[in-house]
Protein backbone atom coordinates (compact mmCIF):
# COMPACT_ATOMS: atom_id res chain seq x y z
CA UNK A 1 6.42 -19.30 -27.36
CA UNK A 2 3.24 -17.62 -28.57
CA UNK A 3 2.32 -17.58 -32.26
CA UNK A 4 1.82 -14.52 -34.45
CA UNK A 5 -1.72 -14.88 -35.82
CA UNK A 6 -4.68 -12.47 -36.02
CA UNK A 7 -6.73 -12.11 -32.86
CA UNK A 8 -9.53 -10.01 -31.50
CA UNK A 9 -7.78 -7.31 -29.54
CA UNK A 10 -10.22 -7.40 -26.62
CA UNK A 11 -8.98 -10.94 -26.00
CA UNK A 12 -5.28 -10.07 -25.98
CA UNK A 13 -4.80 -9.21 -22.32
CA UNK A 14 -6.92 -12.18 -21.29
CA UNK A 15 -4.69 -14.51 -23.30
CA UNK A 16 -1.56 -12.95 -21.80
CA UNK A 17 -3.09 -13.42 -18.36
CA UNK A 18 -2.87 -17.18 -18.93
CA UNK A 19 0.88 -17.17 -19.71
CA UNK A 20 3.48 -18.42 -17.26
CA UNK A 21 5.86 -16.20 -15.32
CA UNK A 22 8.24 -14.38 -17.70
CA UNK A 23 11.25 -12.08 -17.50
CA UNK A 24 8.89 -9.11 -17.97
CA UNK A 25 6.99 -10.20 -14.86
CA UNK A 26 10.21 -10.51 -12.86
CA UNK A 27 11.35 -7.02 -13.84
CA UNK A 28 7.91 -5.61 -13.09
CA UNK A 29 7.84 -7.33 -9.70
CA UNK A 30 11.26 -5.92 -8.80
CA UNK A 31 10.23 -2.43 -9.94
CA UNK A 32 7.06 -2.61 -7.84
CA UNK A 33 8.84 -4.11 -4.83
CA UNK A 34 11.58 -1.48 -4.75
CA UNK A 35 8.98 1.23 -5.33
CA UNK A 36 6.95 0.05 -2.35
CA UNK A 37 10.09 -0.27 -0.26
CA UNK A 38 10.94 3.36 -1.03
CA UNK A 39 7.36 4.45 -0.32
CA UNK A 40 7.41 2.68 3.05
CA UNK A 41 10.79 4.12 3.91
CA UNK A 42 9.83 7.71 3.09
CA UNK A 43 6.51 7.55 4.90
CA UNK A 44 8.01 6.03 8.05
CA UNK A 45 11.04 8.32 8.01
CA UNK A 46 8.77 11.36 7.92
CA UNK A 47 7.86 10.53 11.54
CA UNK A 48 11.51 10.11 12.51
CA UNK A 49 11.91 13.73 11.41
CA UNK A 50 9.74 14.78 14.37
CA UNK A 51 12.76 14.05 16.56
CA UNK A 52 15.02 16.47 14.70
CA UNK A 53 13.44 19.58 16.22
CA UNK A 54 11.98 20.46 19.59
CA UNK A 55 8.60 22.08 18.90
CA UNK A 56 5.33 22.75 20.77
CA UNK A 57 2.70 19.99 20.82
CA UNK A 58 0.52 21.63 18.14
CA UNK A 59 3.48 21.71 15.75
CA UNK A 60 4.38 18.16 16.72
CA UNK A 61 0.88 17.08 15.73
CA UNK A 62 1.35 19.00 12.47
CA UNK A 63 4.36 16.82 11.71
CA UNK A 64 2.34 13.71 12.58
CA UNK A 65 -0.43 14.75 10.17
CA UNK A 66 1.85 16.22 7.48
CA UNK A 67 2.79 12.86 5.85
CA UNK A 68 -0.87 11.82 5.70
CA UNK A 69 -1.95 15.11 4.11
CA UNK A 70 0.60 14.91 1.30
CA UNK A 71 0.15 11.19 0.89
CA UNK A 72 -3.53 11.88 0.13
CA UNK A 73 -2.64 14.64 -2.35
CA UNK A 74 -0.21 12.33 -4.13
CA UNK A 75 -2.77 9.52 -4.21
CA UNK A 76 -5.46 11.72 -5.79
CA UNK A 77 -3.17 13.21 -8.44
CA UNK A 78 -1.50 9.88 -9.18
CA UNK A 79 -4.83 8.08 -9.55
CA UNK A 80 -6.03 10.61 -12.10
CA UNK A 81 -2.74 10.59 -14.04
CA UNK A 82 -2.64 6.79 -14.09
CA UNK A 83 -6.01 6.42 -15.80
CA UNK A 84 -5.57 9.35 -18.18
CA UNK A 85 -1.92 9.12 -19.25
CA UNK A 86 -0.96 5.52 -18.48
CA UNK A 87 0.71 3.56 -15.71
CA UNK A 88 4.31 3.94 -16.91
CA UNK A 89 4.02 7.69 -17.58
CA UNK A 90 2.70 8.22 -14.06
CA UNK A 91 5.87 6.65 -12.69
CA UNK A 92 7.89 9.33 -14.53
CA UNK A 93 5.96 12.03 -12.68
CA UNK A 94 6.43 10.42 -9.27
CA UNK A 95 10.13 9.63 -9.81
CA UNK A 96 10.80 13.25 -10.81
CA UNK A 97 9.23 14.39 -7.54
CA UNK A 98 11.39 11.90 -5.65
CA UNK A 99 14.48 13.40 -7.23
CA UNK A 100 13.54 16.99 -6.36
CA UNK A 101 12.43 16.12 -2.84
CA UNK A 102 15.50 14.00 -2.15
CA UNK A 103 17.90 16.77 -3.17
CA UNK A 104 15.94 19.42 -1.25
CA UNK A 105 15.93 17.30 1.91
CA UNK A 106 19.73 17.23 1.96
CA UNK A 107 19.75 21.05 2.02
CA UNK A 108 16.81 21.55 4.41
CA UNK A 109 18.48 23.56 7.14
CA UNK A 110 15.31 24.42 9.08
CA UNK A 111 11.90 23.06 10.06
CA UNK A 112 10.05 24.75 7.20
CA UNK A 113 12.32 23.31 4.49
CA UNK A 114 12.07 19.84 6.04
CA UNK A 115 8.28 20.08 5.77
CA UNK A 116 8.49 21.16 2.12
CA UNK A 117 10.89 18.38 1.16
CA UNK A 118 8.80 15.80 3.02
CA UNK A 119 5.69 17.09 1.23
CA UNK A 120 7.31 16.42 -2.15
CA UNK A 121 8.64 13.02 -1.14
CA UNK A 122 5.48 11.76 0.52
CA UNK A 123 3.19 12.96 -2.28
CA UNK A 124 5.44 11.14 -4.75
CA UNK A 125 5.20 8.05 -2.52
CA UNK A 126 1.40 8.32 -2.48
CA UNK A 127 1.25 8.44 -6.27
CA UNK A 128 3.76 5.57 -6.56
CA UNK A 129 1.91 3.21 -4.28
CA UNK A 130 -1.47 3.92 -5.84
CA UNK A 131 -0.03 3.33 -9.30
CA UNK A 132 1.63 0.07 -8.23
CA UNK A 133 -1.61 -1.17 -6.65
CA UNK A 134 -3.37 -0.29 -9.91
CA UNK A 135 -0.87 -1.72 -12.39
CA UNK A 136 0.25 -4.87 -10.60
CA UNK A 137 -3.15 -6.54 -10.99
CA UNK A 138 -3.02 -5.87 -14.74
CA UNK A 139 0.52 -7.19 -15.24
CA UNK A 140 0.78 -10.47 -13.35
CA UNK A 141 -0.54 -13.80 -14.69
CA UNK A 142 -3.80 -15.05 -13.20
CA UNK A 143 -2.20 -18.02 -11.45
CA UNK A 144 0.30 -15.77 -9.65
CA UNK A 145 -1.60 -12.49 -9.31
CA UNK A 146 -2.71 -12.78 -5.70
CA UNK A 147 0.52 -14.01 -4.18
CA UNK A 148 2.61 -11.56 -6.22
CA UNK A 149 0.44 -8.64 -5.09
CA UNK A 150 0.34 -9.74 -1.45
CA UNK A 151 4.09 -10.36 -1.33
CA UNK A 152 4.71 -6.90 -2.73
CA UNK A 153 3.04 -5.46 0.37
CA UNK A 154 5.70 -7.18 2.47
CA UNK A 155 8.31 -4.80 1.10
CA UNK A 156 6.55 -1.94 2.91
CA UNK A 157 7.14 -3.83 6.18
CA UNK A 158 10.76 -4.44 5.16
CA UNK A 159 11.14 -0.70 4.66
CA UNK A 160 9.90 -0.22 8.22
CA UNK A 161 12.73 -2.42 9.49
CA UNK A 162 15.30 -0.29 7.69
CA UNK A 163 13.61 2.91 8.85
CA UNK A 164 13.63 1.77 12.46
CA UNK A 165 17.35 0.97 12.33
CA UNK A 166 18.14 4.30 10.69
CA UNK A 167 15.76 5.94 13.15
CA UNK A 168 17.90 4.73 16.06
CA UNK A 169 20.94 6.30 14.43
CA UNK A 170 19.15 9.50 13.42
CA UNK A 171 17.49 10.13 16.78
CA UNK A 172 20.78 9.87 18.61
CA UNK A 173 22.78 11.86 16.06
CA UNK A 174 22.29 15.27 14.43
CA UNK A 175 19.45 16.42 12.15
CA UNK A 176 22.05 16.99 9.43
CA UNK A 177 23.11 13.34 9.54
CA UNK A 178 19.48 12.17 9.49
CA UNK A 179 18.71 14.31 6.44
CA UNK A 180 21.77 13.13 4.52
CA UNK A 181 21.00 9.47 5.24
CA UNK A 182 17.40 9.83 4.05
CA UNK A 183 18.37 11.86 0.99
CA UNK A 184 21.06 9.41 -0.07
CA UNK A 185 18.72 6.44 0.40
CA UNK A 186 16.06 8.05 -1.78
CA UNK A 187 18.39 9.09 -4.60
CA UNK A 188 20.33 5.82 -4.78
CA UNK A 189 17.15 3.76 -4.81
CA UNK A 190 15.74 6.04 -7.47
CA UNK A 191 18.60 5.16 -9.83
CA UNK A 192 17.65 1.48 -9.61
CA UNK A 193 13.97 2.30 -10.13
CA UNK A 194 14.65 4.29 -13.29
CA UNK A 195 16.56 1.38 -14.83
CA UNK A 196 13.88 -1.20 -13.98
CA UNK A 197 10.99 0.92 -15.20
CA UNK A 198 12.65 1.51 -18.54
CA UNK A 199 12.59 -2.26 -18.99
CA UNK A 200 9.04 -3.09 -17.90
CA UNK A 201 5.90 -3.12 -20.07
CA UNK A 202 2.95 -0.78 -20.00
CA UNK A 203 -0.29 -2.40 -18.87
CA UNK A 204 -1.65 -4.21 -21.94
CA UNK A 205 -5.06 -4.25 -20.30
CA UNK A 206 -5.08 -0.45 -19.90
CA UNK A 207 -3.90 0.08 -23.49
CA UNK A 208 -6.77 -2.09 -24.76
CA UNK A 209 -9.41 -0.31 -22.71
CA UNK A 210 -8.38 3.19 -23.81
CA UNK A 211 -8.23 2.24 -27.50
CA UNK A 212 -4.46 2.15 -28.00
CA UNK A 213 -4.62 -1.11 -29.96
CA UNK A 214 -1.41 -0.67 -31.97
CA UNK A 215 0.56 0.12 -28.83
CA UNK A 216 -0.94 -2.91 -27.05
CA UNK A 217 0.25 -5.24 -29.82
CA UNK A 218 3.66 -3.53 -29.90
CA UNK A 219 4.15 -3.90 -26.14
CA UNK A 220 2.99 -7.52 -26.25
CA UNK A 221 5.51 -8.43 -28.96
CA UNK A 222 8.30 -6.59 -27.18
CA UNK A 223 7.81 -8.03 -23.69
CA UNK A 224 5.81 -11.24 -24.06
CA UNK A 225 6.79 -12.62 -27.45
CA UNK A 226 4.42 -12.77 -30.42
CA UNK A 227 0.70 -12.08 -30.24
CA UNK A 228 -1.30 -15.17 -29.16
CA UNK A 229 -3.14 -17.18 -31.77
CA UNK A 230 -6.91 -16.94 -32.09
CA UNK A 231 -7.29 -20.43 -30.60
CA UNK A 232 -5.12 -19.61 -27.62
CA UNK A 233 -6.90 -16.33 -27.02
CA UNK A 234 -10.36 -17.91 -27.25
CA UNK A 235 -9.37 -20.66 -24.83
CA UNK A 236 -8.01 -18.09 -22.39
CA UNK A 237 -11.19 -16.04 -22.60
CA UNK A 238 -13.28 -19.10 -21.79
CA UNK A 239 -11.10 -19.86 -18.78
CA UNK A 240 -11.13 -16.36 -17.35
CA UNK A 241 -14.65 -15.18 -18.14
CA UNK A 242 -16.77 -16.65 -15.36
CA UNK A 243 -20.30 -15.33 -15.12
CA UNK A 244 -20.09 -13.84 -11.64
CA UNK A 245 -22.53 -11.10 -10.71
CA UNK A 246 -20.59 -8.79 -8.46
CA UNK A 247 -21.98 -6.25 -5.98
CA UNK A 248 -22.68 -2.66 -7.07
CA UNK A 249 -19.91 -0.10 -7.29
CA UNK A 250 -21.08 1.87 -4.25
CA UNK A 251 -20.92 -1.25 -2.08
CA UNK A 252 -17.38 -2.03 -3.25
CA UNK A 253 -16.29 1.51 -2.44
CA UNK A 254 -17.91 1.35 0.99
CA UNK A 255 -16.18 -1.92 1.88
CA UNK A 256 -12.70 -1.03 0.68
CA UNK A 257 -12.90 2.41 2.29
CA UNK A 258 -13.99 0.89 5.63
CA UNK A 259 -11.25 -1.75 5.74
CA UNK A 260 -8.65 0.70 4.42
CA UNK A 261 -9.65 3.30 7.02
CA UNK A 262 -9.26 0.77 9.83
CA UNK A 263 -5.84 -0.36 8.69
CA UNK A 264 -4.42 3.07 7.84
CA UNK A 265 -5.69 4.81 10.97
CA UNK A 266 -5.39 1.81 13.29
CA UNK A 267 -1.80 1.10 12.30
CA UNK A 268 -0.90 4.78 12.34
CA UNK A 269 -2.36 5.21 15.81
CA UNK A 270 -0.23 2.44 17.29
CA UNK A 271 3.03 2.86 15.38
CA UNK A 272 3.23 6.58 14.66
CA UNK A 273 1.06 8.29 17.30
CA UNK A 274 0.93 6.18 20.47
CA UNK A 275 4.71 5.86 20.72
CA UNK A 276 5.79 9.46 19.96
CA UNK A 277 3.10 10.98 22.20
CA UNK A 278 2.88 8.55 25.12
CA UNK A 279 6.10 6.49 24.93
CA UNK A 280 8.64 8.63 23.03
CA UNK A 281 11.61 6.57 24.21
CA UNK A 282 10.03 3.40 22.81
CA UNK A 283 9.17 4.80 19.36
CA UNK A 284 12.01 3.19 17.34
CA UNK A 285 11.53 -0.10 19.19
CA UNK A 286 7.80 -0.19 18.42
CA UNK A 287 8.40 0.59 14.73
CA UNK A 288 11.11 -2.07 14.59
CA UNK A 289 8.92 -4.76 16.20
CA UNK A 290 5.93 -3.79 14.06
CA UNK A 291 8.02 -4.05 10.91
CA UNK A 292 9.89 -7.27 11.72
CA UNK A 293 6.74 -9.07 12.87
CA UNK A 294 4.83 -7.62 9.95
CA UNK A 295 7.42 -8.86 7.46
CA UNK A 296 7.22 -12.36 8.93
CA UNK A 297 3.42 -12.30 8.88
CA UNK A 298 3.52 -11.06 5.30
CA UNK A 299 5.11 -14.31 4.15
CA UNK A 300 1.62 -15.79 4.34
CA UNK A 301 1.07 -13.85 1.14
CA UNK A 302 2.70 -16.79 -0.64
CA UNK A 303 -0.58 -18.63 -0.09
CA UNK A 304 -2.61 -15.86 -1.74
CA UNK A 305 -3.52 -17.93 -4.78
CA UNK A 306 -4.57 -20.93 -2.71
CA UNK A 307 -6.76 -19.45 0.01
CA UNK A 308 -9.83 -17.25 0.10
CA UNK A 309 -9.37 -13.48 0.10
CA UNK A 310 -12.75 -13.13 1.80
CA UNK A 311 -11.68 -15.31 4.72
CA UNK A 312 -8.31 -13.58 5.05
CA UNK A 313 -10.08 -10.21 5.14
CA UNK A 314 -12.75 -11.25 7.64
CA UNK A 315 -10.51 -13.09 10.11
CA UNK A 316 -7.78 -10.43 10.06
CA UNK A 317 -10.20 -7.56 10.68
CA UNK A 318 -11.98 -9.38 13.51
CA UNK A 319 -8.58 -10.42 14.89
CA UNK A 320 -7.14 -6.90 14.92
CA UNK A 321 -10.27 -5.51 16.56
CA UNK A 322 -10.15 -8.20 19.25
CA UNK A 323 -6.43 -7.66 19.90
CA UNK A 324 -6.90 -3.89 20.12
CA UNK A 325 -9.70 -4.41 22.63
CA UNK A 326 -7.48 -6.70 24.70
CA UNK A 327 -4.69 -4.09 24.67
CA UNK A 328 -7.18 -1.43 25.80
CA UNK A 329 -8.74 -3.38 28.68
CA UNK A 330 -5.38 -4.67 29.97
CA UNK A 331 -3.74 -1.24 30.14
CA UNK A 332 -3.24 -1.44 33.91
CA UNK A 333 -1.43 -4.77 33.47
CA UNK A 334 0.95 -4.14 30.55
CA UNK A 335 1.74 -0.59 31.62
CA UNK A 336 3.45 -2.15 34.65
CA UNK A 337 5.08 -5.02 32.76
CA UNK A 338 6.67 -4.22 29.41
CA UNK A 339 7.18 -7.90 28.58
CA UNK A 340 3.40 -8.29 28.38
CA UNK A 341 3.23 -5.11 26.31
CA UNK A 342 5.74 -6.45 23.76
CA UNK A 343 3.99 -9.83 23.60
CA UNK A 344 0.65 -8.17 22.85
CA UNK A 345 2.27 -6.00 20.17
CA UNK A 346 3.86 -9.01 18.46
CA UNK A 347 0.50 -10.77 18.13
CA UNK A 348 -1.23 -7.56 17.13
CA UNK A 349 1.20 -6.63 14.36
CA UNK A 350 1.30 -10.17 12.98
CA UNK A 351 -2.46 -10.02 12.40
CA UNK A 352 -2.25 -6.42 11.19
CA UNK A 353 0.15 -7.40 8.40
CA UNK A 354 -2.20 -10.12 7.17
CA UNK A 355 -4.96 -7.54 7.19
CA UNK A 356 -2.77 -4.98 5.42
CA UNK A 357 -1.71 -7.15 2.50
CA UNK A 358 -5.25 -8.48 2.07
CA UNK A 359 -7.09 -5.17 2.09
CA UNK A 360 -4.47 -3.48 -0.09
CA UNK A 361 -4.80 -6.29 -2.63
CA UNK A 362 -8.59 -5.98 -2.58
CA UNK A 363 -8.45 -2.19 -2.98
CA UNK A 364 -6.87 -2.34 -6.43
CA UNK A 365 -8.66 -5.29 -8.02
CA UNK A 366 -12.37 -4.45 -7.85
CA UNK A 367 -12.56 -1.66 -10.46
CA UNK A 368 -12.97 -1.39 -14.25
CA UNK A 369 -9.54 -0.94 -15.86
CA UNK A 370 -10.10 2.56 -17.25
CA UNK A 371 -11.14 3.79 -13.78
CA UNK A 372 -8.96 1.58 -11.57
CA UNK A 373 -6.46 4.33 -10.71
CA UNK A 374 -9.13 6.87 -9.70
CA UNK A 375 -11.36 4.48 -7.76
CA UNK A 376 -8.43 2.94 -5.91
CA UNK A 377 -7.30 6.48 -5.11
CA UNK A 378 -10.77 7.47 -3.88
CA UNK A 379 -10.88 4.70 -1.28
CA UNK A 380 -7.31 5.36 -0.17
CA UNK A 381 -7.70 9.14 -0.02
CA UNK A 382 -10.84 8.97 2.14
CA UNK A 383 -9.48 6.33 4.49
CA UNK A 384 -6.04 7.90 4.95
CA UNK A 385 -7.36 11.45 5.02
CA UNK A 386 -9.64 10.54 7.92
CA UNK A 387 -6.54 10.06 10.05
CA UNK A 388 -5.74 13.79 10.01
CA UNK A 389 -8.72 15.15 12.02
CA UNK A 390 -8.49 12.18 14.38
CA UNK A 391 -4.95 13.21 15.33
CA UNK A 392 -6.32 16.49 16.67
CA UNK A 393 -9.02 14.68 18.66
CA UNK A 394 -6.36 12.76 20.58
CA UNK A 395 -6.05 14.24 24.08
CA UNK A 396 -2.79 15.68 25.30
CA UNK A 397 -0.60 13.07 27.02
CA UNK A 398 -0.74 15.16 30.19
CA UNK A 399 -4.56 14.89 30.36
CA UNK A 400 -5.80 12.37 32.98
CA UNK A 401 -7.03 9.21 31.30
CA UNK A 402 -5.64 10.28 27.91
CA UNK A 403 -4.03 6.93 27.10
CA UNK A 404 -7.21 5.00 27.97
CA UNK A 405 -9.28 7.28 25.76
CA UNK A 406 -6.76 6.93 22.95
CA UNK A 407 -6.85 3.11 23.06
CA UNK A 408 -10.65 2.95 22.99
CA UNK A 409 -10.72 5.27 19.98
CA UNK A 410 -8.36 2.79 18.30
CA UNK A 411 -10.74 -0.09 19.12
CA UNK A 412 -13.59 1.81 17.45
CA UNK A 413 -11.44 2.44 14.38
CA UNK A 414 -10.63 -1.25 13.92
CA UNK A 415 -14.30 -2.13 14.48
CA UNK A 416 -15.18 -0.10 11.36
CA UNK A 417 -12.94 -2.42 9.35
CA UNK A 418 -14.53 -5.49 10.91
CA UNK A 419 -17.99 -4.28 9.85
CA UNK A 420 -16.76 -3.73 6.27
CA UNK A 421 -15.06 -7.13 6.12
CA UNK A 422 -18.11 -8.99 7.43
CA UNK A 423 -20.31 -7.17 4.91
CA UNK A 424 -17.97 -8.24 2.10
CA UNK A 425 -17.94 -11.81 3.38
CA UNK A 426 -21.73 -11.93 3.18
CA UNK A 427 -22.45 -9.96 -0.01
CA UNK A 428 -19.08 -9.73 -1.80
CA UNK A 429 -17.40 -12.06 -4.26
CA UNK A 430 -14.27 -14.19 -4.03
CA UNK A 431 -11.30 -12.43 -5.66
CA UNK A 432 -8.48 -14.72 -4.52
CA UNK A 433 -7.73 -18.39 -5.25
CA UNK A 434 -6.53 -17.73 -8.80
CA UNK A 435 -9.52 -15.65 -9.88
CA UNK A 436 -9.01 -13.58 -13.03
CA UNK A 437 -8.69 -9.81 -12.68
CA UNK A 438 -11.61 -9.64 -15.15
CA UNK A 439 -13.82 -11.46 -12.66
CA UNK A 440 -12.59 -9.43 -9.67
CA UNK A 441 -13.19 -6.15 -11.52
CA UNK A 442 -16.58 -7.20 -12.88
CA UNK A 443 -15.44 -6.69 -16.48
CA UNK A 444 -15.84 -10.38 -17.29
CA UNK A 445 -19.37 -10.66 -15.93
């Protein structure tokens, strides 16, 4: 139990960072995990919706790009709201959009209404995920921050498993059934989210940085016990304030945008574009394999506080680029033998998941607290938004050599991430292995 004695407020969040795992952390983790599960489900299910209607190719590509467009809009708005109004208040905005979008989806009787309801749902999902990636680093104790954050990303893969199963049912049933299933899943999950988020703390670190000192002390007493003593706070500050000179802000933004671009576009190409355009009958199978293998690979996140984030990032980006190149050059082999195709995909998606949880963890930890939401959003918006024009550069499946061209574009995309990861390995700082969020963000330097 912590003791109620005067402290310097700037030291409060640093002292709390040294606490053990508490009930408040468990509730926060569950709220984040279920939020990411819902985000992953909505985003993946938006592509299942392309099977509900038979439309020309240009409209089909619109549906492929639609989730990315509204995800970016939600990310930008959510990042701004998070820094200005607080992490918990931003969740109220996104959950309200979930509710409206979920109800509208149930009554979407035509293509246009489906697009509108998906726009609301996916933009809410974009805001949610950005806010979770922002807040989670500020909530979890230093000794558990990396593994908690990396394990949270595994719930996105778990959502893909559920989406793939429901996708099988939806594709072979009616659009009405598919809409009702998705709507019910969103609204029921939302009820659980509302309860959990009413019982989780606001980010003490954010409250300190924006000058809400009374509220920071109030939240600390409510969720973490009494305010730490001066001695405890001073000791915690000494432990967490390493003099590490980090790289400049522009370099951080370049690196996280490069690795985020590779993962967002590279994963989207294989899971949500390759299958629907070139192998439509295999789409649910590819999503299922990607999600199951990804979930298994994500369990390595449990080692996040023991191993180097820099090494995880470098090896996973080089690995995905190499696997994508192998898939591209062996097209004539696996196109005639699906067993080889599935084997390559299993290896590919295992490495992709390691890359995903590493780069998503890095994206949210490098920024000053009062700008973390916006700067995380900036990297995500640029990297995800770049997917949209690339969709329209993909040749029509009927064009000779279209699949070969598509695969080599994917290799180039992953190579961008490899360049960013190698640059970070050389000039970046270590942010894993139990490093304080103050060190990762540069605020402790």
